N, C-alpha and C. Protein backbone atom coordinates (compact mmCIF):
# COMPACT_ATOMS: atom_id res chain seq x y z
N UNK A 1 -25.49 -21.65 42.65
CA UNK A 1 -25.66 -20.22 42.74
C UNK A 1 -24.55 -19.64 43.59
N UNK A 2 -23.76 -18.74 42.99
CA UNK A 2 -22.57 -18.23 43.71
C UNK A 2 -22.69 -16.78 44.13
N UNK A 3 -23.76 -16.10 43.78
CA UNK A 3 -23.92 -14.73 44.24
C UNK A 3 -23.03 -13.78 43.52
N UNK A 4 -23.01 -12.55 44.00
CA UNK A 4 -22.28 -11.47 43.34
C UNK A 4 -21.79 -10.45 44.37
N UNK A 5 -20.80 -9.68 44.01
CA UNK A 5 -20.34 -8.59 44.89
C UNK A 5 -21.30 -7.41 44.85
N UNK A 6 -22.15 -7.38 43.83
CA UNK A 6 -23.12 -6.31 43.70
C UNK A 6 -24.27 -6.53 44.68
N UNK A 7 -24.65 -5.46 45.37
CA UNK A 7 -25.73 -5.55 46.35
C UNK A 7 -27.06 -5.77 45.64
N UNK A 8 -27.82 -6.73 46.11
CA UNK A 8 -29.09 -7.08 45.51
C UNK A 8 -30.15 -6.04 45.84
N UNK A 9 -31.09 -5.83 44.94
CA UNK A 9 -32.20 -4.91 45.19
C UNK A 9 -33.12 -5.49 46.24
N UNK A 10 -33.92 -4.63 46.85
CA UNK A 10 -34.76 -5.04 47.97
C UNK A 10 -35.75 -6.13 47.58
N UNK A 11 -36.28 -6.07 46.40
CA UNK A 11 -37.32 -7.03 45.96
C UNK A 11 -36.79 -8.10 45.00
N UNK A 12 -35.49 -8.11 44.78
CA UNK A 12 -34.94 -9.09 43.85
C UNK A 12 -34.94 -10.48 44.45
N UNK A 13 -35.29 -11.45 43.65
CA UNK A 13 -35.26 -12.84 44.12
C UNK A 13 -35.30 -13.76 42.90
N UNK A 14 -35.00 -15.03 43.13
CA UNK A 14 -35.08 -16.05 42.08
C UNK A 14 -36.31 -16.91 42.37
N UNK A 15 -37.11 -17.11 41.34
CA UNK A 15 -38.31 -17.96 41.49
C UNK A 15 -38.21 -19.16 40.53
N UNK A 16 -38.47 -20.33 41.08
CA UNK A 16 -38.53 -21.57 40.29
C UNK A 16 -39.94 -22.14 40.43
N UNK A 17 -40.55 -22.50 39.31
CA UNK A 17 -41.84 -23.14 39.32
C UNK A 17 -41.76 -24.47 38.60
N UNK A 18 -42.05 -25.55 39.29
CA UNK A 18 -41.91 -26.91 38.75
C UNK A 18 -43.22 -27.64 38.92
N UNK A 19 -43.77 -28.20 37.83
CA UNK A 19 -45.00 -28.94 37.89
C UNK A 19 -44.90 -30.16 36.96
N UNK A 20 -45.09 -31.32 37.50
CA UNK A 20 -44.96 -32.59 36.75
C UNK A 20 -43.58 -32.71 36.12
N UNK A 21 -42.56 -32.57 36.96
CA UNK A 21 -41.17 -32.75 36.57
C UNK A 21 -40.62 -34.02 37.18
N UNK A 22 -39.88 -34.77 36.40
CA UNK A 22 -39.09 -35.89 36.92
C UNK A 22 -37.64 -35.42 36.96
N UNK A 23 -37.15 -35.16 38.14
CA UNK A 23 -35.80 -34.64 38.28
C UNK A 23 -34.83 -35.74 38.70
N UNK A 24 -33.95 -36.16 37.77
CA UNK A 24 -32.90 -37.11 38.09
C UNK A 24 -31.67 -36.32 38.48
N UNK A 25 -31.30 -36.32 39.74
CA UNK A 25 -30.29 -35.42 40.25
C UNK A 25 -28.94 -36.10 40.35
N UNK A 26 -27.97 -35.56 39.61
CA UNK A 26 -26.61 -36.03 39.70
C UNK A 26 -25.80 -35.36 40.79
N UNK A 27 -26.51 -34.53 41.58
CA UNK A 27 -25.90 -33.77 42.71
C UNK A 27 -27.01 -33.07 43.47
N UNK A 28 -26.75 -31.87 43.91
CA UNK A 28 -27.76 -31.12 44.66
C UNK A 28 -28.86 -30.61 43.72
N UNK A 29 -30.06 -30.46 44.25
CA UNK A 29 -31.09 -29.74 43.53
C UNK A 29 -30.76 -28.27 43.53
N UNK A 30 -30.30 -27.73 44.66
CA UNK A 30 -29.91 -26.34 44.78
C UNK A 30 -28.60 -26.25 45.55
N UNK A 31 -27.63 -25.59 44.98
CA UNK A 31 -26.35 -25.40 45.70
C UNK A 31 -26.06 -23.91 45.74
N UNK A 32 -25.85 -23.39 46.95
CA UNK A 32 -25.59 -21.96 47.17
C UNK A 32 -24.22 -21.83 47.81
N UNK A 33 -23.36 -20.96 47.26
CA UNK A 33 -22.03 -20.75 47.80
C UNK A 33 -21.72 -19.26 47.84
N UNK A 34 -21.52 -18.74 49.04
CA UNK A 34 -21.25 -17.28 49.20
C UNK A 34 -19.76 -16.97 49.30
N UNK A 35 -18.89 -17.95 49.06
CA UNK A 35 -17.45 -17.69 49.04
C UNK A 35 -16.83 -17.96 50.39
N UNK A 36 -15.48 -18.13 50.38
CA UNK A 36 -14.79 -18.44 51.60
C UNK A 36 -13.95 -17.27 52.14
N UNK A 37 -14.08 -16.10 51.47
CA UNK A 37 -13.38 -14.91 51.99
C UNK A 37 -14.40 -13.78 52.16
N UNK A 38 -14.43 -12.82 51.24
CA UNK A 38 -15.47 -11.81 51.33
C UNK A 38 -16.79 -12.40 50.92
N UNK A 39 -17.83 -12.25 51.73
CA UNK A 39 -19.12 -12.85 51.37
C UNK A 39 -19.75 -12.21 50.13
N UNK A 40 -20.32 -13.05 49.31
CA UNK A 40 -21.03 -12.55 48.11
C UNK A 40 -22.51 -12.38 48.42
N UNK A 41 -23.11 -11.41 47.77
CA UNK A 41 -24.52 -11.16 47.95
C UNK A 41 -25.33 -12.28 47.29
N UNK A 42 -26.30 -12.81 47.97
CA UNK A 42 -27.11 -13.90 47.46
C UNK A 42 -28.59 -13.49 47.40
N UNK A 43 -29.24 -13.89 46.33
CA UNK A 43 -30.65 -13.62 46.17
C UNK A 43 -31.50 -14.69 46.88
N UNK A 44 -32.62 -14.31 47.49
CA UNK A 44 -33.53 -15.30 48.02
C UNK A 44 -34.07 -16.19 46.89
N UNK A 45 -34.33 -17.43 47.22
CA UNK A 45 -34.85 -18.39 46.24
C UNK A 45 -36.22 -18.88 46.69
N UNK A 46 -37.23 -18.65 45.85
CA UNK A 46 -38.57 -19.12 46.12
C UNK A 46 -38.91 -20.25 45.12
N UNK A 47 -39.22 -21.44 45.66
CA UNK A 47 -39.52 -22.59 44.82
C UNK A 47 -40.98 -22.95 45.01
N UNK A 48 -41.68 -23.12 43.86
CA UNK A 48 -43.03 -23.60 43.84
C UNK A 48 -43.03 -24.95 43.10
N UNK A 49 -43.24 -26.02 43.84
CA UNK A 49 -43.06 -27.37 43.26
C UNK A 49 -44.27 -28.22 43.59
N UNK A 50 -44.87 -28.81 42.54
CA UNK A 50 -46.02 -29.67 42.77
C UNK A 50 -46.02 -30.81 41.75
N UNK A 51 -46.42 -31.98 42.23
CA UNK A 51 -46.59 -33.15 41.38
C UNK A 51 -45.28 -33.64 40.76
N UNK A 52 -44.16 -33.48 41.47
CA UNK A 52 -42.88 -33.84 40.94
C UNK A 52 -42.29 -35.10 41.59
N UNK A 53 -41.33 -35.68 40.88
CA UNK A 53 -40.49 -36.75 41.45
C UNK A 53 -39.04 -36.25 41.42
N UNK A 54 -38.39 -36.32 42.58
CA UNK A 54 -36.98 -35.95 42.67
C UNK A 54 -36.20 -37.21 43.07
N UNK A 55 -35.31 -37.66 42.15
CA UNK A 55 -34.61 -38.90 42.37
C UNK A 55 -33.09 -38.64 42.32
N UNK A 56 -32.39 -38.68 43.46
CA UNK A 56 -30.95 -38.46 43.49
C UNK A 56 -30.17 -39.71 43.14
N UNK A 57 -29.00 -39.51 42.50
CA UNK A 57 -28.13 -40.63 42.21
C UNK A 57 -26.90 -40.59 43.13
N UNK A 58 -26.85 -39.62 44.03
CA UNK A 58 -25.74 -39.50 44.98
C UNK A 58 -26.34 -39.28 46.38
N UNK A 59 -25.46 -39.28 47.38
CA UNK A 59 -25.90 -39.03 48.76
C UNK A 59 -25.79 -37.54 49.14
N UNK A 60 -25.58 -36.67 48.16
CA UNK A 60 -25.42 -35.23 48.47
C UNK A 60 -26.76 -34.66 48.90
N UNK A 61 -26.67 -33.58 49.69
CA UNK A 61 -27.85 -32.95 50.21
C UNK A 61 -28.72 -32.39 49.06
N UNK A 62 -30.02 -32.45 49.23
CA UNK A 62 -30.96 -31.89 48.23
C UNK A 62 -30.71 -30.38 48.06
N UNK A 63 -30.58 -29.69 49.18
CA UNK A 63 -30.22 -28.25 49.17
C UNK A 63 -28.93 -28.09 49.98
N UNK A 64 -27.96 -27.44 49.41
CA UNK A 64 -26.66 -27.23 50.10
C UNK A 64 -26.31 -25.77 50.07
N UNK A 65 -26.00 -25.26 51.24
CA UNK A 65 -25.53 -23.86 51.36
C UNK A 65 -24.25 -23.81 52.14
N UNK A 66 -23.25 -23.08 51.58
CA UNK A 66 -21.96 -23.01 52.26
C UNK A 66 -21.31 -21.65 51.97
N UNK A 67 -20.36 -21.26 52.83
CA UNK A 67 -19.64 -20.03 52.64
C UNK A 67 -19.62 -19.17 53.90
N UNK A 68 -19.32 -17.90 53.76
CA UNK A 68 -19.11 -16.99 54.87
C UNK A 68 -20.40 -16.33 55.34
N UNK A 69 -21.48 -16.66 54.74
CA UNK A 69 -22.79 -16.11 55.17
C UNK A 69 -23.19 -16.79 56.49
N UNK A 70 -23.66 -16.04 57.50
CA UNK A 70 -24.12 -16.70 58.74
C UNK A 70 -25.25 -17.66 58.48
N UNK A 71 -25.30 -18.72 59.29
CA UNK A 71 -26.31 -19.75 59.07
C UNK A 71 -27.72 -19.21 59.12
N UNK A 72 -27.98 -18.25 60.04
CA UNK A 72 -29.31 -17.68 60.13
C UNK A 72 -29.72 -16.94 58.85
N UNK A 73 -28.76 -16.30 58.19
CA UNK A 73 -29.03 -15.64 56.91
C UNK A 73 -29.21 -16.65 55.80
N UNK A 74 -28.42 -17.71 55.82
CA UNK A 74 -28.62 -18.77 54.83
C UNK A 74 -30.06 -19.34 54.95
N UNK A 75 -30.52 -19.56 56.17
CA UNK A 75 -31.85 -20.11 56.35
C UNK A 75 -32.94 -19.24 55.73
N UNK A 76 -32.77 -17.96 55.81
CA UNK A 76 -33.79 -17.01 55.29
C UNK A 76 -33.80 -16.95 53.76
N UNK A 77 -32.81 -17.55 53.10
CA UNK A 77 -32.73 -17.47 51.65
C UNK A 77 -33.75 -18.37 50.94
N UNK A 78 -34.19 -19.45 51.61
CA UNK A 78 -35.00 -20.44 50.91
C UNK A 78 -36.45 -20.37 51.39
N UNK A 79 -37.37 -20.28 50.42
CA UNK A 79 -38.78 -20.46 50.66
C UNK A 79 -39.26 -21.55 49.72
N UNK A 80 -39.88 -22.59 50.26
CA UNK A 80 -40.30 -23.75 49.46
C UNK A 80 -41.80 -23.99 49.67
N UNK A 81 -42.54 -23.95 48.59
CA UNK A 81 -43.96 -24.26 48.60
C UNK A 81 -44.19 -25.50 47.75
N UNK A 82 -44.50 -26.60 48.40
CA UNK A 82 -44.63 -27.87 47.68
C UNK A 82 -45.98 -28.55 47.89
N UNK A 83 -46.43 -29.28 46.91
CA UNK A 83 -47.64 -30.07 46.98
C UNK A 83 -47.47 -31.36 46.19
N UNK A 84 -47.72 -32.47 46.85
CA UNK A 84 -47.69 -33.79 46.20
C UNK A 84 -46.34 -34.06 45.47
N UNK A 85 -45.28 -33.80 46.17
CA UNK A 85 -43.95 -34.11 45.63
C UNK A 85 -43.50 -35.48 46.21
N UNK A 86 -42.81 -36.24 45.37
CA UNK A 86 -42.33 -37.58 45.75
C UNK A 86 -40.82 -37.59 45.66
N UNK A 87 -40.16 -37.72 46.83
CA UNK A 87 -38.73 -37.76 46.89
C UNK A 87 -38.29 -39.23 46.98
N UNK A 88 -37.35 -39.57 46.11
CA UNK A 88 -36.92 -40.97 45.96
C UNK A 88 -35.87 -41.29 47.03
N UNK A 89 -36.34 -41.44 48.27
CA UNK A 89 -35.49 -41.87 49.38
C UNK A 89 -34.31 -40.92 49.58
N UNK A 90 -34.62 -39.62 49.67
CA UNK A 90 -33.59 -38.59 49.92
C UNK A 90 -33.19 -38.64 51.39
N UNK A 91 -31.89 -38.71 51.68
CA UNK A 91 -31.39 -38.82 53.04
C UNK A 91 -31.31 -37.43 53.72
N UNK A 92 -30.66 -36.49 53.06
CA UNK A 92 -30.47 -35.14 53.62
C UNK A 92 -31.12 -34.11 52.73
N UNK A 93 -32.05 -33.39 53.29
CA UNK A 93 -32.80 -32.42 52.51
C UNK A 93 -32.10 -31.05 52.47
N UNK A 94 -31.47 -30.68 53.58
CA UNK A 94 -30.90 -29.32 53.62
C UNK A 94 -29.66 -29.39 54.52
N UNK A 95 -28.58 -28.87 53.99
CA UNK A 95 -27.30 -28.85 54.73
C UNK A 95 -26.72 -27.44 54.61
N UNK A 96 -26.39 -26.85 55.75
CA UNK A 96 -25.77 -25.54 55.80
C UNK A 96 -24.42 -25.65 56.48
N UNK A 97 -23.38 -25.19 55.79
CA UNK A 97 -22.01 -25.19 56.33
C UNK A 97 -21.48 -23.76 56.30
N UNK A 98 -21.70 -23.03 57.40
CA UNK A 98 -21.31 -21.62 57.44
C UNK A 98 -19.94 -21.47 58.09
N UNK A 99 -19.09 -20.63 57.50
CA UNK A 99 -17.78 -20.36 58.06
C UNK A 99 -17.81 -19.20 59.05
N UNK A 100 -18.99 -18.63 59.22
CA UNK A 100 -19.14 -17.45 60.07
C UNK A 100 -20.18 -17.70 61.12
N UNK A 101 -19.79 -17.40 62.36
CA UNK A 101 -20.76 -17.57 63.45
C UNK A 101 -20.68 -18.94 64.06
N UNK A 102 -21.11 -19.02 65.28
CA UNK A 102 -21.00 -20.25 66.04
C UNK A 102 -22.21 -21.16 65.98
N UNK A 103 -23.28 -20.65 65.35
CA UNK A 103 -24.51 -21.42 65.32
C UNK A 103 -24.35 -22.70 64.53
N UNK A 104 -24.77 -23.81 65.12
CA UNK A 104 -24.73 -25.08 64.43
C UNK A 104 -26.09 -25.33 63.74
N UNK A 105 -26.02 -25.80 62.50
CA UNK A 105 -27.25 -26.10 61.76
C UNK A 105 -27.14 -27.57 61.40
N UNK A 106 -27.92 -28.38 62.12
CA UNK A 106 -27.88 -29.82 61.89
C UNK A 106 -28.45 -30.18 60.52
N UNK A 107 -27.90 -31.21 59.87
CA UNK A 107 -28.45 -31.65 58.61
C UNK A 107 -29.95 -31.96 58.76
N UNK A 108 -30.73 -31.52 57.78
CA UNK A 108 -32.17 -31.63 57.84
C UNK A 108 -32.63 -32.87 57.10
N UNK A 109 -33.32 -33.77 57.83
CA UNK A 109 -33.92 -34.96 57.17
C UNK A 109 -35.36 -34.64 56.76
N UNK A 110 -36.05 -35.63 56.24
CA UNK A 110 -37.40 -35.38 55.76
C UNK A 110 -38.37 -34.92 56.86
N UNK A 111 -38.25 -35.55 58.02
CA UNK A 111 -39.13 -35.17 59.12
C UNK A 111 -38.94 -33.71 59.52
N UNK A 112 -37.70 -33.31 59.67
CA UNK A 112 -37.44 -31.91 60.07
C UNK A 112 -37.75 -30.95 58.93
N UNK A 113 -37.52 -31.37 57.69
CA UNK A 113 -37.89 -30.53 56.55
C UNK A 113 -39.36 -30.11 56.63
N UNK A 114 -40.20 -31.00 57.04
CA UNK A 114 -41.64 -30.71 57.17
C UNK A 114 -41.99 -29.93 58.40
N UNK A 115 -41.01 -29.80 59.31
CA UNK A 115 -41.26 -29.05 60.55
C UNK A 115 -40.81 -27.60 60.43
N UNK A 116 -40.02 -27.29 59.40
CA UNK A 116 -39.52 -25.90 59.24
C UNK A 116 -40.57 -25.04 58.56
N UNK A 117 -41.70 -24.88 59.23
CA UNK A 117 -42.87 -24.27 58.61
C UNK A 117 -42.73 -22.80 58.28
N UNK A 118 -41.73 -22.13 58.84
CA UNK A 118 -41.52 -20.73 58.52
C UNK A 118 -40.98 -20.54 57.11
N UNK A 119 -40.34 -21.58 56.56
CA UNK A 119 -39.77 -21.53 55.22
C UNK A 119 -40.25 -22.64 54.31
N UNK A 120 -40.62 -23.75 54.87
CA UNK A 120 -40.97 -24.94 54.07
C UNK A 120 -42.45 -25.28 54.25
N UNK A 121 -43.16 -25.36 53.16
CA UNK A 121 -44.55 -25.80 53.18
C UNK A 121 -44.68 -26.95 52.21
N UNK A 122 -44.98 -28.15 52.75
CA UNK A 122 -45.18 -29.33 51.93
C UNK A 122 -46.53 -29.96 52.24
N UNK A 123 -47.31 -30.19 51.21
CA UNK A 123 -48.60 -30.85 51.37
C UNK A 123 -48.54 -32.19 50.62
N UNK A 124 -48.75 -33.28 51.36
CA UNK A 124 -48.82 -34.59 50.74
C UNK A 124 -47.52 -35.10 50.18
N UNK A 125 -46.40 -34.64 50.70
CA UNK A 125 -45.11 -35.11 50.20
C UNK A 125 -44.77 -36.48 50.80
N UNK A 126 -44.01 -37.27 50.05
CA UNK A 126 -43.54 -38.56 50.52
C UNK A 126 -42.06 -38.74 50.18
N UNK A 127 -41.38 -39.51 51.03
CA UNK A 127 -39.97 -39.77 50.80
C UNK A 127 -39.65 -41.24 50.97
N UNK A 128 -40.11 -42.01 49.98
CA UNK A 128 -39.91 -43.45 49.92
C UNK A 128 -39.35 -43.80 48.57
N UNK A 129 -38.73 -44.98 48.45
CA UNK A 129 -38.20 -45.39 47.15
C UNK A 129 -39.26 -45.40 46.08
N UNK A 130 -38.95 -44.76 44.93
CA UNK A 130 -39.83 -44.82 43.76
C UNK A 130 -39.47 -46.07 42.95
N UNK A 131 -40.48 -46.79 42.52
CA UNK A 131 -40.28 -48.01 41.79
C UNK A 131 -40.38 -47.72 40.29
N UNK A 132 -39.23 -47.82 39.62
CA UNK A 132 -39.15 -47.53 38.18
C UNK A 132 -39.31 -48.80 37.37
N UNK A 133 -39.82 -48.65 36.16
CA UNK A 133 -40.00 -49.82 35.30
C UNK A 133 -38.68 -50.33 34.78
N UNK A 134 -37.68 -49.46 34.70
CA UNK A 134 -36.34 -49.80 34.20
C UNK A 134 -35.27 -49.50 35.22
N UNK A 135 -34.18 -50.21 35.16
CA UNK A 135 -33.03 -49.95 36.03
C UNK A 135 -32.14 -48.88 35.33
N UNK A 136 -32.52 -47.62 35.54
CA UNK A 136 -31.81 -46.54 34.81
C UNK A 136 -30.63 -46.00 35.60
N UNK A 137 -30.52 -46.33 36.86
CA UNK A 137 -29.53 -45.67 37.73
C UNK A 137 -28.10 -45.85 37.26
N UNK A 138 -27.79 -46.97 36.56
CA UNK A 138 -26.41 -47.24 36.17
C UNK A 138 -26.11 -46.66 34.77
N UNK A 139 -27.10 -46.08 34.10
CA UNK A 139 -26.89 -45.56 32.76
C UNK A 139 -26.41 -44.11 32.81
N UNK A 140 -25.49 -43.74 31.94
CA UNK A 140 -25.15 -42.31 31.81
C UNK A 140 -26.38 -41.50 31.45
N UNK A 141 -26.45 -40.28 31.96
CA UNK A 141 -27.64 -39.45 31.71
C UNK A 141 -27.88 -39.24 30.22
N UNK A 142 -26.79 -39.14 29.42
CA UNK A 142 -27.00 -38.85 28.00
C UNK A 142 -27.47 -40.08 27.22
N UNK A 143 -27.59 -41.23 27.88
CA UNK A 143 -28.09 -42.42 27.22
C UNK A 143 -29.50 -42.83 27.71
N UNK A 144 -30.09 -42.02 28.58
CA UNK A 144 -31.43 -42.30 29.08
C UNK A 144 -32.47 -42.09 28.00
N UNK A 145 -33.49 -42.93 28.01
CA UNK A 145 -34.59 -42.81 27.10
C UNK A 145 -35.89 -42.57 27.87
N UNK A 146 -36.93 -42.14 27.16
CA UNK A 146 -38.19 -41.84 27.84
C UNK A 146 -38.69 -43.08 28.60
N UNK A 147 -38.55 -44.25 28.02
CA UNK A 147 -39.03 -45.47 28.65
C UNK A 147 -38.36 -45.71 30.00
N UNK A 148 -37.15 -45.15 30.23
CA UNK A 148 -36.46 -45.35 31.49
C UNK A 148 -37.18 -44.63 32.64
N UNK A 149 -37.97 -43.62 32.30
CA UNK A 149 -38.64 -42.80 33.33
C UNK A 149 -40.03 -43.29 33.65
N UNK A 150 -40.45 -44.42 33.06
CA UNK A 150 -41.77 -44.95 33.34
C UNK A 150 -41.82 -45.56 34.76
N UNK A 151 -43.00 -45.52 35.35
CA UNK A 151 -43.18 -46.04 36.69
C UNK A 151 -43.87 -47.40 36.65
N UNK A 152 -43.53 -48.25 37.62
CA UNK A 152 -44.28 -49.48 37.78
C UNK A 152 -45.70 -49.09 38.18
N UNK A 153 -46.66 -49.56 37.41
CA UNK A 153 -48.04 -49.08 37.60
C UNK A 153 -48.78 -49.93 38.67
N UNK A 154 -48.29 -49.85 39.86
CA UNK A 154 -48.93 -50.51 40.99
C UNK A 154 -48.94 -49.52 42.14
N UNK A 155 -50.09 -48.85 42.35
CA UNK A 155 -50.18 -47.79 43.34
C UNK A 155 -49.89 -48.29 44.76
N UNK A 156 -50.14 -49.58 45.00
CA UNK A 156 -49.90 -50.11 46.35
C UNK A 156 -48.40 -50.16 46.65
N UNK A 157 -47.57 -50.30 45.61
CA UNK A 157 -46.12 -50.30 45.78
C UNK A 157 -45.50 -48.96 45.47
N UNK A 158 -46.18 -48.19 44.62
CA UNK A 158 -45.64 -46.95 44.08
C UNK A 158 -46.60 -45.79 44.30
N UNK A 159 -46.49 -45.09 45.41
CA UNK A 159 -47.46 -44.02 45.70
C UNK A 159 -47.49 -42.90 44.65
N UNK A 160 -46.40 -42.75 43.89
CA UNK A 160 -46.37 -41.69 42.86
C UNK A 160 -47.36 -42.00 41.73
N UNK A 161 -47.77 -43.24 41.59
CA UNK A 161 -48.77 -43.60 40.57
C UNK A 161 -50.12 -43.05 41.01
N UNK A 162 -50.71 -42.21 40.19
CA UNK A 162 -51.97 -41.52 40.49
C UNK A 162 -51.83 -40.65 41.74
N UNK A 163 -50.61 -40.27 42.06
CA UNK A 163 -50.38 -39.54 43.32
C UNK A 163 -50.34 -38.07 43.21
N UNK A 164 -50.46 -37.51 41.98
CA UNK A 164 -50.43 -36.08 41.78
C UNK A 164 -51.72 -35.46 42.25
N UNK A 165 -51.72 -34.14 42.43
CA UNK A 165 -52.91 -33.41 42.86
C UNK A 165 -54.05 -33.55 41.86
N UNK A 166 -53.74 -33.78 40.59
CA UNK A 166 -54.77 -33.93 39.54
C UNK A 166 -55.08 -35.40 39.29
N UNK A 167 -54.68 -36.27 40.22
CA UNK A 167 -54.97 -37.72 40.19
C UNK A 167 -54.27 -38.46 39.06
N UNK A 168 -53.30 -37.82 38.39
CA UNK A 168 -52.45 -38.50 37.42
C UNK A 168 -51.18 -38.93 38.11
N UNK A 169 -50.28 -39.58 37.35
CA UNK A 169 -48.99 -39.96 37.92
C UNK A 169 -48.15 -38.69 38.21
N UNK A 170 -47.44 -38.70 39.32
CA UNK A 170 -46.48 -37.64 39.56
C UNK A 170 -45.32 -37.76 38.57
N UNK A 171 -44.57 -36.69 38.45
CA UNK A 171 -43.46 -36.67 37.51
C UNK A 171 -43.89 -36.30 36.11
N UNK A 172 -43.00 -36.52 35.16
CA UNK A 172 -43.21 -36.09 33.78
C UNK A 172 -44.46 -36.73 33.19
N UNK A 173 -45.21 -35.91 32.48
CA UNK A 173 -46.38 -36.39 31.75
C UNK A 173 -45.98 -36.52 30.28
N UNK A 174 -45.81 -37.76 29.84
CA UNK A 174 -45.31 -38.01 28.47
C UNK A 174 -46.21 -37.40 27.42
N UNK A 175 -47.52 -37.30 27.71
CA UNK A 175 -48.46 -36.78 26.72
C UNK A 175 -48.27 -35.27 26.49
N UNK A 176 -47.66 -34.62 27.45
CA UNK A 176 -47.48 -33.15 27.35
C UNK A 176 -46.11 -32.78 26.80
N UNK A 177 -45.23 -33.73 26.55
CA UNK A 177 -43.94 -33.41 26.02
C UNK A 177 -44.07 -32.95 24.57
N UNK A 178 -43.21 -32.01 24.12
CA UNK A 178 -43.22 -31.59 22.73
C UNK A 178 -42.98 -32.79 21.81
N UNK A 179 -43.72 -32.89 20.72
CA UNK A 179 -43.61 -34.04 19.83
C UNK A 179 -42.22 -34.19 19.24
N UNK A 180 -41.54 -33.06 18.99
CA UNK A 180 -40.20 -33.15 18.39
C UNK A 180 -39.23 -33.85 19.34
N UNK A 181 -39.45 -33.68 20.68
CA UNK A 181 -38.59 -34.33 21.63
C UNK A 181 -38.81 -35.84 21.62
N UNK A 182 -40.10 -36.24 21.55
CA UNK A 182 -40.43 -37.66 21.53
C UNK A 182 -39.88 -38.31 20.24
N UNK A 183 -40.10 -37.65 19.10
CA UNK A 183 -39.63 -38.18 17.82
C UNK A 183 -38.13 -38.32 17.80
N UNK A 184 -37.43 -37.28 18.31
CA UNK A 184 -35.97 -37.32 18.31
C UNK A 184 -35.47 -38.47 19.13
N UNK A 185 -36.10 -38.73 20.26
CA UNK A 185 -35.69 -39.84 21.12
C UNK A 185 -35.89 -41.17 20.44
N UNK A 186 -37.04 -41.31 19.75
CA UNK A 186 -37.32 -42.54 19.04
C UNK A 186 -36.36 -42.79 17.92
N UNK A 187 -36.01 -41.70 17.18
CA UNK A 187 -35.04 -41.85 16.08
C UNK A 187 -33.68 -42.28 16.59
N UNK A 188 -33.27 -41.71 17.71
CA UNK A 188 -31.95 -42.08 18.27
C UNK A 188 -31.93 -43.56 18.68
N UNK A 189 -33.05 -44.02 19.24
CA UNK A 189 -33.17 -45.44 19.63
C UNK A 189 -33.09 -46.32 18.39
N UNK A 190 -33.83 -45.95 17.31
CA UNK A 190 -33.81 -46.74 16.08
C UNK A 190 -32.44 -46.83 15.48
N UNK A 191 -31.69 -45.70 15.47
CA UNK A 191 -30.35 -45.69 14.93
C UNK A 191 -29.41 -46.60 15.69
N UNK A 192 -29.56 -46.56 17.03
CA UNK A 192 -28.72 -47.44 17.89
C UNK A 192 -29.02 -48.91 17.59
N UNK A 193 -30.30 -49.28 17.42
CA UNK A 193 -30.66 -50.63 17.12
C UNK A 193 -30.10 -51.07 15.77
N UNK A 194 -30.13 -50.17 14.76
CA UNK A 194 -29.63 -50.50 13.42
C UNK A 194 -28.14 -50.74 13.49
N UNK A 195 -27.41 -49.93 14.23
CA UNK A 195 -25.95 -50.12 14.37
C UNK A 195 -25.66 -51.46 15.02
N UNK A 196 -26.46 -51.81 16.04
CA UNK A 196 -26.24 -53.10 16.72
C UNK A 196 -26.47 -54.26 15.77
N UNK A 197 -27.53 -54.16 14.94
CA UNK A 197 -27.83 -55.25 13.97
C UNK A 197 -26.70 -55.38 12.97
N UNK A 198 -26.12 -54.27 12.50
CA UNK A 198 -25.06 -54.31 11.52
C UNK A 198 -23.78 -54.97 12.07
N UNK A 199 -23.54 -54.73 13.37
CA UNK A 199 -22.36 -55.30 13.97
C UNK A 199 -22.57 -56.78 14.31
């Protein structure tokens, strides 16, 4: 999110609602940049997230804010309401790098993320390694299949199993996916297998 030179309306904001999402992150979940010269106007972001799995493939911060906006103003941009979210061993949850003002904003880890109660509300969140049925981390995203997102079904090792607020597995619910998406994935897999057999 890079903002705009146009002044935002008083009640304008961005809202994200996520429920039973498996997010494989190739970078930040949210990146905000207000520019390195004249500051750009940025809209507040309100996130409502429940029953999700967020799994990063890099060491980048989950939320990153940078630019000429003062750190205190950056902080006021984010409101997070979460319930039963499972973070796959995220190291840095929030990083602010402001070019304006002397205030230092230390990188926020999971413990401090839960302490920022004026902006962050998390109920039942965990930040431990998620145990996947497949080793998908080395595969390009465009080659991932639905089976790669399955969880090892051992709740003692994998808290995301039956860990959602509705007592189902956190993350994507395969039963609720559109049928055309499932069929298309299966057809692609069949075609790949046929090409392998021919070769």
